[in-house]
Protein backbone atom coordinates (compact mmCIF):
# COMPACT_ATOMS: atom_id res chain seq x y z
CA MET A 1 146.12 31.86 74.58
CA GLN A 2 143.70 34.77 74.20
CA GLY A 3 143.54 37.73 76.55
CA ILE A 4 141.63 40.94 77.12
CA LYS A 5 143.82 44.04 77.05
CA VAL A 6 143.54 45.87 80.37
CA THR A 7 144.97 49.00 81.90
CA ILE A 8 146.66 48.41 85.24
CA VAL A 9 145.74 51.59 87.10
CA ARG A 10 147.22 51.15 90.57
CA TYR A 11 149.01 48.90 93.00
CA ILE A 12 146.79 47.72 95.86
CA SER A 13 148.79 45.53 98.22
CA ASP A 14 151.93 43.44 98.71
CA GLU A 15 149.83 40.60 100.15
CA PRO A 16 149.28 38.03 98.91
CA GLN A 17 152.60 37.76 97.12
CA PRO A 18 153.57 38.80 94.47
CA GLY A 19 151.12 41.69 95.00
CA ILE A 20 147.69 42.87 93.89
CA VAL A 21 146.83 45.51 91.28
CA GLU A 22 143.61 47.10 90.05
CA CYS A 23 142.90 46.71 86.33
CA LYS A 24 140.25 48.25 84.10
CA PHE A 25 138.86 47.61 80.64
CA GLU A 26 135.88 48.66 78.54
CA ASP A 27 133.51 46.13 77.00
CA ALA A 28 131.79 46.26 73.61
CA HIS A 29 128.85 48.16 75.12
CA GLY A 30 130.98 50.93 76.64
CA ARG A 31 130.79 49.65 80.20
CA ARG A 32 133.96 50.04 82.27
CA TRP A 33 134.92 47.01 84.34
CA SER A 34 137.36 46.88 87.27
CA LEU A 35 139.08 43.88 88.76
CA LEU A 36 141.73 43.15 91.35
CA GLU A 37 144.30 40.52 90.49
CA LYS A 38 147.79 39.28 91.29
CA THR A 39 150.49 41.12 89.40
CA ALA A 40 151.87 37.91 87.88
CA VAL A 41 148.46 37.06 86.39
CA VAL A 42 148.12 40.35 84.47
CA SER A 43 151.72 41.26 83.57
CA ALA A 44 155.14 39.78 82.93
CA GLU A 45 156.65 42.95 84.44
CA SER A 46 157.76 43.11 88.04
CA LEU A 47 155.11 45.48 89.43
CA ASP A 48 155.09 47.05 92.88
CA ALA A 49 154.10 50.22 94.71
CA ARG A 50 157.05 52.12 93.17
CA THR A 51 156.02 51.32 89.58
CA THR A 52 154.58 54.19 87.56
CA TYR A 53 150.94 53.58 86.60
CA PRO A 54 148.99 53.16 84.36
CA ARG A 55 150.59 50.12 82.68
CA ARG A 56 149.39 47.71 80.04
CA GLY A 57 148.25 44.26 81.09
CA VAL A 58 146.29 41.23 79.90
CA ILE A 59 143.64 39.05 81.49
CA ALA A 60 143.55 35.55 80.00
CA CYS A 61 140.20 34.49 78.63
CA GLU A 62 138.47 31.86 76.54
CA ILE A 63 136.35 32.76 73.53
CA VAL A 64 132.85 31.35 73.95
CA ARG A 65 131.33 32.53 70.66
CA ARG A 66 131.24 35.32 68.11
CA SER A 67 128.26 37.31 66.86
CA ARG A 68 127.33 40.62 65.24
CA ASP A 69 125.39 43.46 66.85
CA GLN A 70 122.70 45.53 65.11
CA ALA A 71 125.35 47.93 63.80
CA GLY A 72 127.21 45.00 62.19
CA ARG A 73 130.16 45.06 64.62
CA GLU A 74 131.73 41.75 65.53
CA ILE A 75 131.14 40.99 69.20
CA ILE A 76 133.28 38.36 70.88
CA HIS A 77 131.75 36.70 73.93
CA VAL A 78 134.49 35.62 76.34
CA THR A 79 134.84 34.12 79.78
CA THR A 80 137.61 34.89 82.24
CA GLU A 81 136.56 31.97 84.42
CA ARG A 82 138.93 29.89 82.34
CA PRO A 83 141.85 29.51 82.50
CA TRP A 84 142.55 31.36 85.80
CA CYS A 85 139.16 32.14 87.37
CA VAL A 86 139.45 35.94 87.14
CA GLU A 87 136.35 37.99 87.90
CA SER A 88 135.31 41.65 88.02
CA LEU A 89 134.69 43.41 91.33
CA GLU A 90 131.01 42.49 90.85
CA GLY A 91 131.86 38.80 90.39
CA VAL A 92 131.25 38.80 86.62
CA THR A 93 133.31 36.43 84.43
CA LYS A 94 131.50 36.72 81.06
CA PHE A 95 132.05 39.75 78.85
CA ASP A 96 131.28 40.98 75.35
CA VAL A 97 134.34 42.61 73.79
CA LEU A 98 135.37 43.97 70.41
CA PRO A 99 138.10 42.19 68.43
CA GLU A 100 140.58 45.01 69.06
CA SER A 101 140.24 44.39 72.81
CA LEU A 102 141.81 40.95 72.46
CA VAL A 103 145.41 39.90 72.12
CA GLU A 104 147.07 36.54 71.69
CA PHE A 105 149.92 35.89 74.11
């Protein structure tokens, strides 16, 4: 499964269980995205309010297609709608990322 590397920046709430964290990542165009998600969706660690942040995390995604920008960089178009319906705070689920932003897990 493919995932976008994210930085878990803070713990938000204990409800719903197992808890909610805020995550951030930067897309291929330099835009910073934020999302709120359950701890178990973004990390295998047991995260809570006592955990030291930032931490590394991953948001699962599906690769839609690959292309090149005008500078010749490979751009990977992904969706986070599948497999777990994760979206940014703005409700966005489609992102352009660089290959180094992805990890297989």
